[in-house]
Amino acid sequence: MADTPHIPDETETRAKWGAFAWTKANAKTAAMYVARYPAGRQQSAVMALLDLAQRQVGDNTKTQGWLPVPVIEYVAAYLGMPYMRAYEVATFYTMYNLAPVGRFHVQVCGTTPCMLRGSDDVMAACKNRGLVKGGTTPDGLFTLTEVECLGACANAPMVQINDDNFEDLTYDSMSTLLEALANDEPVKIGPQIDRQVSCPEGGPTTLKEMVSANRDYRGDW
């Protein structure tokens, strides 16, 4: 279950973000998104623009970013839609953060496949690194959230950190991953074991000749 965000005081939020506007680069990107839709349908770009705004806030704060109310209002006004319609989108999808998060937003999947394959160990590694579910570490590096299925069940347990998935985790590999991120060291994205994306561990067990080149097996059947 996703954790309820702790939304900051609105007065402080408006004081800091009330003058939000696109950067020059993001203004071009926003116009590009809107131009993908027919005239009069610009509101269809709301998801892309909310994501763009969140990333701009993230660049400003050196974090993964979030959507203060004035920023959502700005996006709604830009698209000529009621604020509540944009807010409905922002509150429906967990890809949007309604409260500040750290530099690394650690989203641990706790749905059944991940739970059965060790998500409790992954959560324990986070806890022992000082991460608290629903909170941000004092150094501002990590925010920990438990979420529902992230769609990598075959490689459970897994976490999403910012825009990347890390899969086939154990207590030790999760601990190593967090330590590397904290020290600005390179990390391996995707499976943390010997497998290519969602292929069987150790490599394919069928149609092995397809690994390096296309092959028509029909004559063998």
C-alpha atoms as a PDB file:
ATOM      1  CA  MET A   1       0.000   0.000   0.000  1.00  0.00           C
ATOM      2  CA  ALA A   2       1.411   3.397  -0.959  1.00  0.00           C
ATOM      3  CA  ASP A   3       2.164   5.652   1.988  1.00  0.00           C
ATOM      4  CA  THR A   4       0.236   8.869   2.604  1.00  0.00           C
ATOM      5  CA  PRO A   5       2.533  11.786   1.726  1.00  0.00           C
ATOM      6  CA  HIS A   6       3.226  14.479   4.299  1.00  0.00           C
ATOM      7  CA  ILE A   7       2.297  17.590   2.334  1.00  0.00           C
ATOM      8  CA  PRO A   8       4.131  20.750   3.503  1.00  0.00           C
ATOM      9  CA  ASP A   9       2.402  23.842   4.832  1.00  0.00           C
ATOM     10  CA  GLU A  10       0.634  25.601   1.963  1.00  0.00           C
ATOM     11  CA  THR A  11       1.785  29.095   2.981  1.00  0.00           C
ATOM     12  CA  GLU A  12       5.428  28.070   2.809  1.00  0.00           C
ATOM     13  CA  THR A  13       4.818  26.147  -0.397  1.00  0.00           C
ATOM     14  CA  ARG A  14       3.232  29.132  -2.121  1.00  0.00           C
ATOM     15  CA  ALA A  15       5.990  31.434  -0.930  1.00  0.00           C
ATOM     16  CA  LYS A  16       8.604  29.180  -2.523  1.00  0.00           C
ATOM     17  CA  TRP A  17       6.826  27.938  -5.635  1.00  0.00           C
ATOM     18  CA  GLY A  18       4.178  30.558  -6.374  1.00  0.00           C
ATOM     19  CA  ALA A  19       6.285  32.078  -9.154  1.00  0.00           C
ATOM     20  CA  PHE A  20       6.987  28.753 -10.884  1.00  0.00           C
ATOM     21  CA  ALA A  21       7.368  28.965 -14.661  1.00  0.00           C
ATOM     22  CA  TRP A  22       8.981  26.798 -17.313  1.00  0.00           C
ATOM     23  CA  THR A  23      12.672  27.164 -17.907  1.00  0.00           C
ATOM     24  CA  LYS A  24      13.559  28.151 -21.452  1.00  0.00           C
ATOM     25  CA  ALA A  25      14.388  24.549 -22.357  1.00  0.00           C
ATOM     26  CA  ASN A  26      11.292  23.126 -20.705  1.00  0.00           C
ATOM     27  CA  ALA A  27       9.071  25.705 -22.386  1.00  0.00           C
ATOM     28  CA  LYS A  28      10.145  24.234 -25.724  1.00  0.00           C
ATOM     29  CA  THR A  29       9.562  20.711 -24.450  1.00  0.00           C
ATOM     30  CA  ALA A  30       6.108  21.618 -23.123  1.00  0.00           C
ATOM     31  CA  ALA A  31       5.150  23.162 -26.452  1.00  0.00           C
ATOM     32  CA  MET A  32       6.336  20.004 -28.194  1.00  0.00           C
ATOM     33  CA  TYR A  33       4.104  17.817 -26.005  1.00  0.00           C
ATOM     34  CA  VAL A  34       1.070  20.021 -26.585  1.00  0.00           C
ATOM     35  CA  ALA A  35       1.685  20.057 -30.346  1.00  0.00           C
ATOM     36  CA  ARG A  36       1.225  16.286 -30.450  1.00  0.00           C
ATOM     37  CA  TYR A  37      -2.514  16.701 -29.960  1.00  0.00           C
ATOM     38  CA  PRO A  38      -5.181  18.214 -32.230  1.00  0.00           C
ATOM     39  CA  ALA A  39      -6.311  21.788 -31.688  1.00  0.00           C
ATOM     40  CA  GLY A  40      -8.608  21.994 -28.696  1.00  0.00           C
ATOM     41  CA  ARG A  41      -7.217  18.775 -27.208  1.00  0.00           C
ATOM     42  CA  GLN A  42      -4.166  20.263 -25.511  1.00  0.00           C
ATOM     43  CA  GLN A  43      -5.370  19.037 -22.122  1.00  0.00           C
ATOM     44  CA  SER A  44      -4.397  15.535 -23.237  1.00  0.00           C
ATOM     45  CA  ALA A  45      -0.793  16.559 -22.567  1.00  0.00           C
ATOM     46  CA  VAL A  46      -1.422  16.935 -18.827  1.00  0.00           C
ATOM     47  CA  MET A  47       0.439  13.782 -17.787  1.00  0.00           C
ATOM     48  CA  ALA A  48       3.543  14.672 -19.758  1.00  0.00           C
ATOM     49  CA  LEU A  49       3.530  18.247 -18.467  1.00  0.00           C
ATOM     50  CA  LEU A  50       3.056  17.230 -14.837  1.00  0.00           C
ATOM     51  CA  ASP A  51       6.042  14.923 -15.209  1.00  0.00           C
ATOM     52  CA  LEU A  52       8.039  17.700 -16.850  1.00  0.00           C
ATOM     53  CA  ALA A  53       7.143  20.093 -14.046  1.00  0.00           C
ATOM     54  CA  GLN A  54       8.083  17.554 -11.400  1.00  0.00           C
ATOM     55  CA  ARG A  55      11.463  17.066 -13.045  1.00  0.00           C
ATOM     56  CA  GLN A  56      12.023  20.827 -13.160  1.00  0.00           C
ATOM     57  CA  VAL A  57      11.300  21.029  -9.439  1.00  0.00           C
ATOM     58  CA  GLY A  58      13.729  18.132  -8.978  1.00  0.00           C
ATOM     59  CA  ASP A  59      16.454  19.954 -10.903  1.00  0.00           C
ATOM     60  CA  ASN A  60      15.862  23.003  -8.719  1.00  0.00           C
ATOM     61  CA  THR A  61      16.016  21.073  -5.456  1.00  0.00           C
ATOM     62  CA  LYS A  62      18.588  18.428  -6.481  1.00  0.00           C
ATOM     63  CA  THR A  63      16.055  15.700  -5.688  1.00  0.00           C
ATOM     64  CA  GLN A  64      13.733  13.406  -7.617  1.00  0.00           C
ATOM     65  CA  GLY A  65      11.189  16.232  -7.589  1.00  0.00           C
ATOM     66  CA  TRP A  66       7.603  16.721  -6.484  1.00  0.00           C
ATOM     67  CA  LEU A  67       4.491  18.706  -7.408  1.00  0.00           C
ATOM     68  CA  PRO A  68       3.672  21.625  -5.109  1.00  0.00           C
ATOM     69  CA  VAL A  69       0.117  22.940  -5.494  1.00  0.00           C
ATOM     70  CA  PRO A  70       1.244  26.156  -7.257  1.00  0.00           C
ATOM     71  CA  VAL A  71       3.114  24.037  -9.801  1.00  0.00           C
ATOM     72  CA  ILE A  72       0.014  21.956 -10.523  1.00  0.00           C
ATOM     73  CA  GLU A  73      -1.935  25.204 -10.852  1.00  0.00           C
ATOM     74  CA  TYR A  74       0.637  26.478 -13.336  1.00  0.00           C
ATOM     75  CA  VAL A  75       0.343  23.349 -15.484  1.00  0.00           C
ATOM     76  CA  ALA A  76      -3.462  23.522 -15.381  1.00  0.00           C
ATOM     77  CA  ALA A  77      -3.451  27.186 -16.425  1.00  0.00           C
ATOM     78  CA  TYR A  78      -0.924  26.472 -19.174  1.00  0.00           C
ATOM     79  CA  LEU A  79      -3.290  23.862 -20.614  1.00  0.00           C
ATOM     80  CA  GLY A  80      -6.439  25.910 -20.049  1.00  0.00           C
ATOM     81  CA  MET A  81      -8.030  23.332 -17.761  1.00  0.00           C
ATOM     82  CA  PRO A  82      -9.519  23.530 -14.247  1.00  0.00           C
ATOM     83  CA  TYR A  83      -6.971  23.037 -11.498  1.00  0.00           C
ATOM     84  CA  MET A  84      -9.027  20.164 -10.046  1.00  0.00           C
ATOM     85  CA  ARG A  85      -8.711  18.169 -13.286  1.00  0.00           C
ATOM     86  CA  ALA A  86      -4.923  18.398 -13.156  1.00  0.00           C
ATOM     87  CA  TYR A  87      -4.958  17.638  -9.427  1.00  0.00           C
ATOM     88  CA  GLU A  88      -7.052  14.519 -10.066  1.00  0.00           C
ATOM     89  CA  VAL A  89      -4.346  13.236 -12.404  1.00  0.00           C
ATOM     90  CA  ALA A  90      -1.535  14.063  -9.982  1.00  0.00           C
ATOM     91  CA  THR A  91      -3.253  12.256  -7.116  1.00  0.00           C
ATOM     92  CA  PHE A  92      -4.242   9.199  -9.169  1.00  0.00           C
ATOM     93  CA  TYR A  93      -0.811   8.162 -10.450  1.00  0.00           C
ATOM     94  CA  THR A  94       1.969   7.288  -8.021  1.00  0.00           C
ATOM     95  CA  MET A  95       4.564   8.520 -10.520  1.00  0.00           C
ATOM     96  CA  TYR A  96       3.760  11.998  -9.223  1.00  0.00           C
ATOM     97  CA  ASN A  97       5.060  12.982  -5.809  1.00  0.00           C
ATOM     98  CA  LEU A  98       2.744  15.216  -3.785  1.00  0.00           C
ATOM     99  CA  ALA A  99       5.374  15.900  -1.131  1.00  0.00           C
ATOM    100  CA  PRO A 100       9.134  16.475  -1.251  1.00  0.00           C
ATOM    101  CA  VAL A 101      11.298  13.398  -1.730  1.00  0.00           C
ATOM    102  CA  GLY A 102      15.013  12.807  -1.516  1.00  0.00           C
ATOM    103  CA  ARG A 103      17.628  12.579  -4.215  1.00  0.00           C
ATOM    104  CA  PHE A 104      16.795   8.886  -4.551  1.00  0.00           C
ATOM    105  CA  HIS A 105      13.149   7.837  -4.289  1.00  0.00           C
ATOM    106  CA  VAL A 106      13.262   4.163  -3.308  1.00  0.00           C
ATOM    107  CA  GLN A 107       9.957   2.474  -4.118  1.00  0.00           C
ATOM    108  CA  VAL A 108       9.851  -1.076  -2.770  1.00  0.00           C
ATOM    109  CA  CYS A 109       7.263  -3.387  -4.300  1.00  0.00           C
ATOM    110  CA  GLY A 110       5.406  -5.303  -1.609  1.00  0.00           C
ATOM    111  CA  THR A 111       2.853  -7.097  -3.780  1.00  0.00           C
ATOM    112  CA  THR A 112       2.495 -10.886  -3.525  1.00  0.00           C
ATOM    113  CA  PRO A 113       5.200 -12.059  -6.018  1.00  0.00           C
ATOM    114  CA  CYS A 114       7.803  -9.764  -4.477  1.00  0.00           C
ATOM    115  CA  MET A 115       6.668 -10.604  -0.947  1.00  0.00           C
ATOM    116  CA  LEU A 116       6.991 -14.339  -1.621  1.00  0.00           C
ATOM    117  CA  ARG A 117      10.475 -13.876  -3.050  1.00  0.00           C
ATOM    118  CA  GLY A 118      11.918 -11.683  -0.328  1.00  0.00           C
ATOM    119  CA  SER A 119      10.647  -8.118  -0.347  1.00  0.00           C
ATOM    120  CA  ASP A 120      10.783  -8.213   3.462  1.00  0.00           C
ATOM    121  CA  ASP A 121      14.551  -8.677   3.185  1.00  0.00           C
ATOM    122  CA  VAL A 122      14.742  -5.753   0.794  1.00  0.00           C
ATOM    123  CA  MET A 123      12.765  -3.617   3.225  1.00  0.00           C
ATOM    124  CA  ALA A 124      15.006  -4.751   6.079  1.00  0.00           C
ATOM    125  CA  ALA A 125      18.077  -3.645   4.125  1.00  0.00           C
ATOM    126  CA  CYS A 126      16.480  -0.242   3.681  1.00  0.00           C
ATOM    127  CA  LYS A 127      15.625  -0.017   7.374  1.00  0.00           C
ATOM    128  CA  ASN A 128      19.131  -0.971   8.432  1.00  0.00           C
ATOM    129  CA  ARG A 129      20.501   1.763   6.158  1.00  0.00           C
ATOM    130  CA  GLY A 130      18.382   4.290   8.066  1.00  0.00           C
ATOM    131  CA  LEU A 131      15.471   4.543   5.648  1.00  0.00           C
ATOM    132  CA  VAL A 132      12.021   4.823   7.213  1.00  0.00           C
ATOM    133  CA  LYS A 133       8.902   3.972   5.209  1.00  0.00           C
ATOM    134  CA  GLY A 134       7.099   7.141   4.229  1.00  0.00           C
ATOM    135  CA  GLY A 135      10.010   9.361   5.240  1.00  0.00           C
ATOM    136  CA  THR A 136      13.219  10.932   3.962  1.00  0.00           C
ATOM    137  CA  THR A 137      16.621  10.377   5.558  1.00  0.00           C
ATOM    138  CA  PRO A 138      18.086  13.368   7.442  1.00  0.00           C
ATOM    139  CA  ASP A 139      20.766  13.822   4.775  1.00  0.00           C
ATOM    140  CA  GLY A 140      18.068  14.194   2.112  1.00  0.00           C
ATOM    141  CA  LEU A 141      19.426  11.297   0.075  1.00  0.00           C
ATOM    142  CA  PHE A 142      16.694   8.669   0.323  1.00  0.00           C
ATOM    143  CA  THR A 143      12.921   8.588   0.506  1.00  0.00           C
ATOM    144  CA  LEU A 144      11.395   5.151   1.093  1.00  0.00           C
ATOM    145  CA  THR A 145       7.923   4.230  -0.157  1.00  0.00           C
ATOM    146  CA  GLU A 146       6.211   0.845  -0.265  1.00  0.00           C
ATOM    147  CA  VAL A 147       4.166   0.533  -3.452  1.00  0.00           C
ATOM    148  CA  GLU A 148       1.962  -1.932  -5.253  1.00  0.00           C
ATOM    149  CA  CYS A 149       3.003  -3.959  -8.307  1.00  0.00           C
ATOM    150  CA  LEU A 150       5.635  -2.300 -10.504  1.00  0.00           C
ATOM    151  CA  GLY A 151       5.317  -4.898 -13.247  1.00  0.00           C
ATOM    152  CA  ALA A 152       8.558  -6.860 -12.884  1.00  0.00           C
ATOM    153  CA  CYS A 153       7.063  -9.903 -11.166  1.00  0.00           C
ATOM    154  CA  ALA A 154       9.252 -12.429 -13.006  1.00  0.00           C
ATOM    155  CA  ASN A 155      12.326 -10.788 -11.490  1.00  0.00           C
ATOM    156  CA  ALA A 156      10.968 -10.300  -7.980  1.00  0.00           C
ATOM    157  CA  PRO A 157      11.809  -8.892  -5.546  1.00  0.00           C
ATOM    158  CA  MET A 158      12.474  -5.520  -7.069  1.00  0.00           C
ATOM    159  CA  VAL A 159      12.536  -1.800  -6.379  1.00  0.00           C
ATOM    160  CA  GLN A 160      12.225   1.278  -8.540  1.00  0.00           C
ATOM    161  CA  ILE A 161      14.699   4.028  -7.716  1.00  0.00           C
ATOM    162  CA  ASN A 162      13.972   7.232  -9.591  1.00  0.00           C
ATOM    163  CA  ASP A 163      13.562   6.117 -13.216  1.00  0.00           C
ATOM    164  CA  ASP A 164      15.319   2.741 -12.945  1.00  0.00           C
ATOM    165  CA  ASN A 165      14.325  -0.771 -11.872  1.00  0.00           C
ATOM    166  CA  PHE A 166      16.581  -3.010  -9.788  1.00  0.00           C
ATOM    167  CA  GLU A 167      15.522  -6.648  -9.741  1.00  0.00           C
ATOM    168  CA  ASP A 168      16.337 -10.077  -8.268  1.00  0.00           C
ATOM    169  CA  LEU A 169      17.370  -8.381  -5.053  1.00  0.00           C
ATOM    170  CA  THR A 170      18.521  -9.868  -1.763  1.00  0.00           C
ATOM    171  CA  TYR A 171      19.287  -8.250   1.559  1.00  0.00           C
ATOM    172  CA  ASP A 172      22.971  -8.065   0.649  1.00  0.00           C
ATOM    173  CA  SER A 173      22.531  -6.751  -2.903  1.00  0.00           C
ATOM    174  CA  MET A 174      20.047  -4.122  -1.736  1.00  0.00           C
ATOM    175  CA  SER A 175      22.451  -3.014   0.986  1.00  0.00           C
ATOM    176  CA  THR A 176      25.258  -2.779  -1.566  1.00  0.00           C
ATOM    177  CA  LEU A 177      23.030  -0.818  -3.951  1.00  0.00           C
ATOM    178  CA  LEU A 178      22.081   1.767  -1.325  1.00  0.00           C
ATOM    179  CA  GLU A 179      25.702   2.164  -0.259  1.00  0.00           C
ATOM    180  CA  ALA A 180      26.808   2.712  -3.855  1.00  0.00           C
ATOM    181  CA  LEU A 181      24.123   5.335  -4.466  1.00  0.00           C
ATOM    182  CA  ALA A 182      25.063   7.167  -1.268  1.00  0.00           C
ATOM    183  CA  ASN A 183      28.690   7.290  -2.408  1.00  0.00           C
ATOM    184  CA  ASP A 184      27.907   8.350  -6.008  1.00  0.00           C
ATOM    185  CA  GLU A 185      29.288   5.071  -7.307  1.00  0.00           C
ATOM    186  CA  PRO A 186      28.031   3.393 -10.524  1.00  0.00           C
ATOM    187  CA  VAL A 187      25.272   0.825 -10.082  1.00  0.00           C
ATOM    188  CA  LYS A 188      23.941  -2.023 -12.198  1.00  0.00           C
ATOM    189  CA  ILE A 189      20.415  -1.336 -13.441  1.00  0.00           C
ATOM    190  CA  GLY A 190      17.996  -4.229 -13.940  1.00  0.00           C
ATOM    191  CA  PRO A 191      18.576  -7.819 -12.723  1.00  0.00           C
ATOM    192  CA  GLN A 192      21.229  -8.186 -10.060  1.00  0.00           C
ATOM    193  CA  ILE A 193      21.871 -11.833 -10.981  1.00  0.00           C
ATOM    194  CA  ASP A 194      23.075 -13.603 -14.129  1.00  0.00           C
ATOM    195  CA  ARG A 195      20.080 -13.072 -16.374  1.00  0.00           C
ATOM    196  CA  GLN A 196      19.253 -10.921 -19.369  1.00  0.00           C
ATOM    197  CA  VAL A 197      16.141  -8.866 -18.605  1.00  0.00           C
ATOM    198  CA  SER A 198      13.488 -11.528 -17.792  1.00  0.00           C
ATOM    199  CA  CYS A 199      15.249 -14.533 -19.347  1.00  0.00           C
ATOM    200  CA  PRO A 200      15.872 -17.576 -17.108  1.00  0.00           C
ATOM    201  CA  GLU A 201      18.757 -17.293 -14.671  1.00  0.00           C
ATOM    202  CA  GLY A 202      21.983 -18.397 -16.337  1.00  0.00           C
ATOM    203  CA  GLY A 203      20.721 -17.789 -19.851  1.00  0.00           C
ATOM    204  CA  PRO A 204      18.031 -19.157 -22.174  1.00  0.00           C
ATOM    205  CA  THR A 205      17.046 -22.812 -21.927  1.00  0.00           C
ATOM    206  CA  THR A 206      15.146 -23.030 -25.246  1.00  0.00           C
ATOM    207  CA  LEU A 207      15.665 -21.620 -28.749  1.00  0.00           C
ATOM    208  CA  LYS A 208      19.278 -20.961 -27.817  1.00  0.00           C
ATOM    209  CA  GLU A 209      20.371 -20.243 -31.381  1.00  0.00           C
ATOM    210  CA  MET A 210      18.048 -17.217 -31.380  1.00  0.00           C
ATOM    211  CA  VAL A 211      20.355 -15.447 -28.921  1.00  0.00           C
ATOM    212  CA  SER A 212      22.836 -14.364 -31.587  1.00  0.00           C
ATOM    213  CA  ALA A 213      20.745 -14.461 -34.783  1.00  0.00           C
ATOM    214  CA  ASN A 214      17.262 -15.109 -36.072  1.00  0.00           C
ATOM    215  CA  ARG A 215      16.576 -18.756 -36.923  1.00  0.00           C
ATOM    216  CA  ASP A 216      13.539 -20.542 -38.334  1.00  0.00           C
ATOM    217  CA  TYR A 217      12.945 -23.614 -36.161  1.00  0.00           C
ATOM    218  CA  ARG A 218       9.848 -24.785 -38.026  1.00  0.00           C
ATOM    219  CA  GLY A 219      11.730 -27.421 -40.000  1.00  0.00           C
ATOM    220  CA  ASP A 220      12.862 -29.057 -36.750  1.00  0.00           C
ATOM    221  CA  TRP A 221       9.368 -29.606 -35.407  1.00  0.00           C
END
